[in-house]
Amino acid sequence: MERGDGSRSHAWDPYIREEGRMAIPILDYEMNGDTVLFIRQDWMDNLGLEAPETMDDIEEMMDAFVNEDPTGTGEQVYGLATGFTNNFNTWMSTVDWVFGAYGGMPDQWSLADDGSLINGSIQPEIKEGLETMKRWMDEGYIHPESGLWDEGKAAELFTAGRAGLLLGHIGCQIGHWQN
């Protein structure tokens, strides 16, 4: 099966044998774990920003959110709502995409080229993601208490209008908490 972005889905893999397809996969959750970028459209409009396409664009957007008063109130806001209490790779307020941009994925085991399992949390690529996160905290893009927050607490920052970006799985239903 092919995803909307042209990449191959692995939904059939567990059900294929030499004789062919032996069962039908349940596709309900096949792509439900994909990370989605939720952005405050009102803040983008207030600052005349376009949707980001790259990590650099996201960083520029967070800088604008933090330094250009997107709410018009002068109140302290943050670029990214996230919480690290449970881990970096989670269902809502995730930062897995930061590490993924450098080729790593914390809290996940992967298959190495030689067929062995490797722990994603201790791979060299993770250091680059951590350095990026530290820089973003130093710049004020991330709330200084994010290390104490779980996913729900981080989402509150976004839904309360105090953070401009939140990333989570497509099924995290952030709109549910906005009402």
Protein backbone atom coordinates (compact mmCIF):
# COMPACT_ATOMS: atom_id res chain seq x y z
CA MET A 1 0.00 0.00 0.00
CA GLU A 2 1.16 3.52 -0.64
CA ARG A 3 0.71 6.46 1.72
CA GLY A 4 -0.47 9.84 0.54
CA ASP A 5 3.12 11.10 0.49
CA GLY A 6 4.21 8.25 -1.82
CA SER A 7 6.06 6.25 0.85
CA ARG A 8 5.31 2.56 1.31
CA SER A 9 3.10 1.43 4.16
CA HIS A 10 4.21 -1.69 6.01
CA ALA A 11 0.66 -2.69 6.89
CA TRP A 12 0.83 -5.88 4.82
CA ASP A 13 4.27 -7.06 6.04
CA PRO A 14 3.04 -9.31 8.89
CA TYR A 15 0.51 -10.97 6.57
CA ILE A 16 2.67 -11.84 3.54
CA ARG A 17 4.12 -15.32 3.07
CA GLU A 18 5.70 -17.02 0.08
CA GLU A 19 2.22 -18.00 -1.07
CA GLY A 20 1.09 -14.37 -1.06
CA ARG A 21 -1.12 -12.34 1.24
CA MET A 22 -2.55 -14.56 3.96
CA ALA A 23 -4.79 -12.07 5.81
CA ILE A 24 -6.11 -8.54 5.63
CA PRO A 25 -4.49 -5.95 7.91
CA ILE A 26 -6.53 -3.63 10.08
CA LEU A 27 -5.71 -0.21 8.68
CA ASP A 28 -7.53 1.88 11.25
CA TYR A 29 -4.30 2.74 13.08
CA GLU A 30 -1.78 2.22 10.28
CA MET A 31 -1.02 5.93 9.90
CA ASN A 32 -2.66 7.19 13.08
CA GLY A 33 0.69 7.63 14.80
CA ASP A 34 2.05 10.13 12.29
CA THR A 35 3.10 13.39 13.91
CA VAL A 36 1.08 16.47 12.95
CA LEU A 37 2.14 20.09 13.46
CA PHE A 38 -0.60 22.18 15.09
CA ILE A 39 0.02 25.93 14.65
CA ARG A 40 -1.87 28.92 15.97
CA GLN A 41 -3.26 30.31 12.71
CA ASP A 42 -4.29 33.54 14.45
CA TRP A 43 -0.67 34.13 15.48
CA MET A 44 0.54 33.41 11.96
CA ASP A 45 -2.00 35.89 10.58
CA ASN A 46 -1.12 38.54 13.17
CA LEU A 47 2.57 38.33 12.23
CA GLY A 48 2.10 37.75 8.49
CA LEU A 49 3.77 34.32 8.59
CA GLU A 50 3.46 31.50 6.08
CA ALA A 51 3.26 27.80 7.00
CA PRO A 52 6.72 26.37 7.73
CA GLU A 53 8.27 23.83 5.38
CA THR A 54 11.65 23.19 7.04
CA MET A 55 13.18 23.01 10.51
CA ASP A 56 14.71 26.45 9.86
CA ASP A 57 11.23 27.78 9.05
CA ILE A 58 9.89 26.34 12.32
CA GLU A 59 12.72 27.92 14.28
CA GLU A 60 12.11 31.30 12.59
CA MET A 61 8.41 30.98 13.40
CA MET A 62 9.13 30.22 17.07
CA ASP A 63 11.46 33.22 17.20
CA ALA A 64 8.72 35.45 15.79
CA PHE A 65 6.17 34.05 18.23
CA VAL A 66 8.45 34.72 21.21
CA ASN A 67 9.81 38.11 20.15
CA GLU A 68 7.09 39.82 18.10
CA ASP A 69 4.00 39.65 20.39
CA PRO A 70 1.62 37.56 18.25
CA THR A 71 -1.21 38.01 20.78
CA GLY A 72 -0.94 41.80 20.89
CA THR A 73 -1.08 41.71 24.70
CA GLY A 74 2.60 41.90 25.55
CA GLU A 75 2.29 38.70 27.62
CA GLN A 76 5.07 36.10 27.65
CA VAL A 77 4.38 33.34 25.12
CA TYR A 78 6.41 30.39 23.89
CA GLY A 79 7.12 28.97 20.49
CA LEU A 80 6.65 25.29 21.29
CA ALA A 81 4.46 23.50 23.84
CA THR A 82 6.19 20.33 24.97
CA GLY A 83 6.69 18.19 28.06
CA PHE A 84 9.54 15.79 28.79
CA THR A 85 8.39 14.03 31.97
CA ASN A 86 7.39 10.78 30.24
CA ASN A 87 9.83 10.87 27.31
CA PHE A 88 10.68 12.76 24.12
CA ASN A 89 8.78 10.43 21.79
CA THR A 90 5.16 10.58 22.88
CA TRP A 91 1.62 10.96 21.55
CA MET A 92 1.10 14.69 22.24
CA SER A 93 3.57 17.54 22.71
CA THR A 94 6.19 15.27 21.18
CA VAL A 95 9.64 16.35 20.07
CA ASP A 96 10.44 13.11 18.23
CA TRP A 97 10.56 15.13 15.01
CA VAL A 98 13.51 17.17 16.30
CA PHE A 99 15.57 14.03 16.79
CA GLY A 100 14.24 12.49 13.59
CA ALA A 101 15.58 15.48 11.65
CA TYR A 102 19.07 14.37 12.67
CA GLY A 103 18.46 10.70 11.92
CA GLY A 104 17.79 9.47 15.46
CA MET A 105 14.80 8.48 17.54
CA PRO A 106 14.95 8.32 21.33
CA ASP A 107 12.98 5.74 23.30
CA GLN A 108 12.88 3.39 20.34
CA TRP A 109 14.76 0.27 19.34
CA SER A 110 15.76 0.03 15.66
CA LEU A 111 17.33 -2.55 13.41
CA ALA A 112 20.97 -1.79 12.57
CA ASP A 113 22.53 -2.54 9.18
CA ASP A 114 24.14 -5.69 10.61
CA GLY A 115 20.76 -6.99 11.84
CA SER A 116 21.31 -6.22 15.52
CA LEU A 117 19.02 -4.07 17.64
CA ILE A 118 20.21 -0.61 18.66
CA ASN A 119 18.82 1.65 21.36
CA GLY A 120 17.87 4.95 19.73
CA SER A 121 18.34 6.91 22.95
CA ILE A 122 22.12 6.41 22.96
CA GLN A 123 22.92 6.98 19.28
CA PRO A 124 25.21 9.90 18.31
CA GLU A 125 22.39 11.63 16.39
CA ILE A 126 20.49 12.16 19.64
CA LYS A 127 23.17 14.60 20.82
CA GLU A 128 22.35 16.95 17.93
CA GLY A 129 18.67 16.88 18.85
CA LEU A 130 19.49 17.60 22.50
CA GLU A 131 21.72 20.51 21.48
CA THR A 132 18.87 21.94 19.39
CA MET A 133 16.43 21.58 22.28
CA LYS A 134 18.88 23.29 24.65
CA ARG A 135 19.34 26.17 22.22
CA TRP A 136 15.57 26.52 21.92
CA MET A 137 15.20 26.59 25.71
CA ASP A 138 17.97 29.21 25.94
CA GLU A 139 16.15 31.32 23.31
CA GLY A 140 12.88 31.08 25.28
CA TYR A 141 11.08 29.06 22.59
CA ILE A 142 10.31 26.31 25.14
CA HIS A 143 8.88 26.93 28.60
CA PRO A 144 11.58 26.47 31.28
CA GLU A 145 9.37 24.02 33.22
CA SER A 146 8.80 21.68 30.26
CA GLY A 147 11.06 19.09 31.85
CA LEU A 148 8.51 18.80 34.67
CA TRP A 149 5.44 18.52 32.44
CA ASP A 150 3.64 15.56 30.93
CA GLU A 151 1.77 15.68 27.61
CA GLY A 152 -1.46 17.07 29.05
CA LYS A 153 0.22 19.89 30.95
CA ALA A 154 2.18 20.87 27.84
CA ALA A 155 -0.99 20.89 25.74
CA GLU A 156 -2.57 23.27 28.25
CA LEU A 157 0.06 25.86 27.32
CA PHE A 158 -1.04 25.61 23.70
CA THR A 159 -4.79 25.57 24.30
CA ALA A 160 -4.52 28.49 26.74
CA GLY A 161 -3.00 30.58 23.96
CA ARG A 162 0.48 30.74 25.48
CA ALA A 163 2.35 28.63 22.90
CA GLY A 164 2.22 28.78 19.12
CA LEU A 165 3.17 25.22 18.15
CA LEU A 166 2.24 21.78 19.39
CA LEU A 167 3.11 18.50 17.71
CA GLY A 168 1.27 15.28 18.29
CA HIS A 169 -0.19 12.24 16.65
CA ILE A 170 -2.97 12.86 14.21
CA GLY A 171 -5.42 11.30 16.66
CA CYS A 172 -4.58 13.50 19.66
CA GLN A 173 -7.69 15.64 19.03
CA ILE A 174 -6.25 18.91 20.28
CA GLY A 175 -9.46 20.69 19.31
CA HIS A 176 -11.24 18.70 22.03
CA TRP A 177 -9.28 20.58 24.70
CA GLN A 178 -9.78 23.98 23.12
CA ASN A 179 -13.50 24.00 23.83
